[in-house]
Amino acid sequence: MHSDVPADGVARTMIATAQDFLAQEALFGGVEPQALENGLRGLMSMDPQKTS
């Protein structure tokens, strides 16, 4: 993780992700953790500096 990323923002994002996982599980049933892992990996690979 980059040193310029505020820890508070990371913590809030992790909590929101966990809450959304639980909500999705409750609404739609079994959620494959692998699918969420792949989605998060894709989002984390985005580079805002390269976006036009």
Protein backbone atom coordinates (compact mmCIF):
# COMPACT_ATOMS: atom_id res chain seq x y z
CA MET A 1 0.00 0.00 0.00
CA HIS A 2 1.28 3.46 -0.83
CA SER A 3 2.39 5.55 2.14
CA ASP A 4 0.28 8.53 1.00
CA VAL A 5 -2.99 6.59 1.39
CA PRO A 6 -4.77 7.60 4.62
CA ALA A 7 -5.30 4.64 6.97
CA ASP A 8 -8.78 5.93 7.89
CA GLY A 9 -9.90 5.71 4.27
CA VAL A 10 -8.55 2.17 3.96
CA ALA A 11 -10.31 1.08 7.16
CA ARG A 12 -13.62 2.59 6.06
CA THR A 13 -13.35 0.91 2.66
CA MET A 14 -12.62 -2.47 4.24
CA ILE A 15 -15.62 -2.13 6.58
CA ALA A 16 -17.91 -1.06 3.72
CA THR A 17 -16.72 -3.99 1.62
CA ALA A 18 -17.43 -6.45 4.43
CA GLN A 19 -20.88 -4.95 5.01
CA ASP A 20 -21.71 -5.10 1.31
CA PHE A 21 -20.56 -8.72 1.17
CA LEU A 22 -22.94 -9.58 4.03
CA ALA A 23 -25.81 -7.66 2.42
CA GLN A 24 -25.25 -9.40 -0.92
CA GLU A 25 -25.13 -12.77 0.86
CA ALA A 26 -28.41 -12.03 2.65
CA LEU A 27 -30.20 -10.79 -0.49
CA PHE A 28 -28.97 -13.21 -3.12
CA GLY A 29 -27.72 -16.25 -1.24
CA GLY A 30 -24.33 -17.85 -1.72
CA VAL A 31 -21.71 -15.45 -2.97
CA GLU A 32 -18.47 -16.95 -4.20
CA PRO A 33 -15.55 -15.26 -2.43
CA GLN A 34 -13.45 -15.91 -5.54
CA ALA A 35 -15.79 -13.72 -7.60
CA LEU A 36 -15.42 -10.85 -5.12
CA GLU A 37 -11.66 -11.36 -4.97
CA ASN A 38 -11.45 -11.14 -8.76
CA GLY A 39 -13.62 -8.02 -8.80
CA LEU A 40 -11.52 -6.30 -6.13
CA ARG A 41 -8.32 -7.25 -7.94
CA GLY A 42 -9.70 -5.67 -11.11
CA LEU A 43 -10.69 -2.48 -9.32
CA MET A 44 -7.33 -2.22 -7.56
CA SER A 45 -5.50 -2.56 -10.87
CA MET A 46 -7.02 0.68 -12.17
CA ASP A 47 -4.53 3.52 -12.53
CA PRO A 48 -6.29 6.91 -12.30
CA GLN A 49 -3.29 8.65 -13.84
CA LYS A 50 -3.73 6.68 -17.09
CA THR A 51 -7.48 7.33 -17.35
CA SER A 52 -8.45 9.90 -19.97
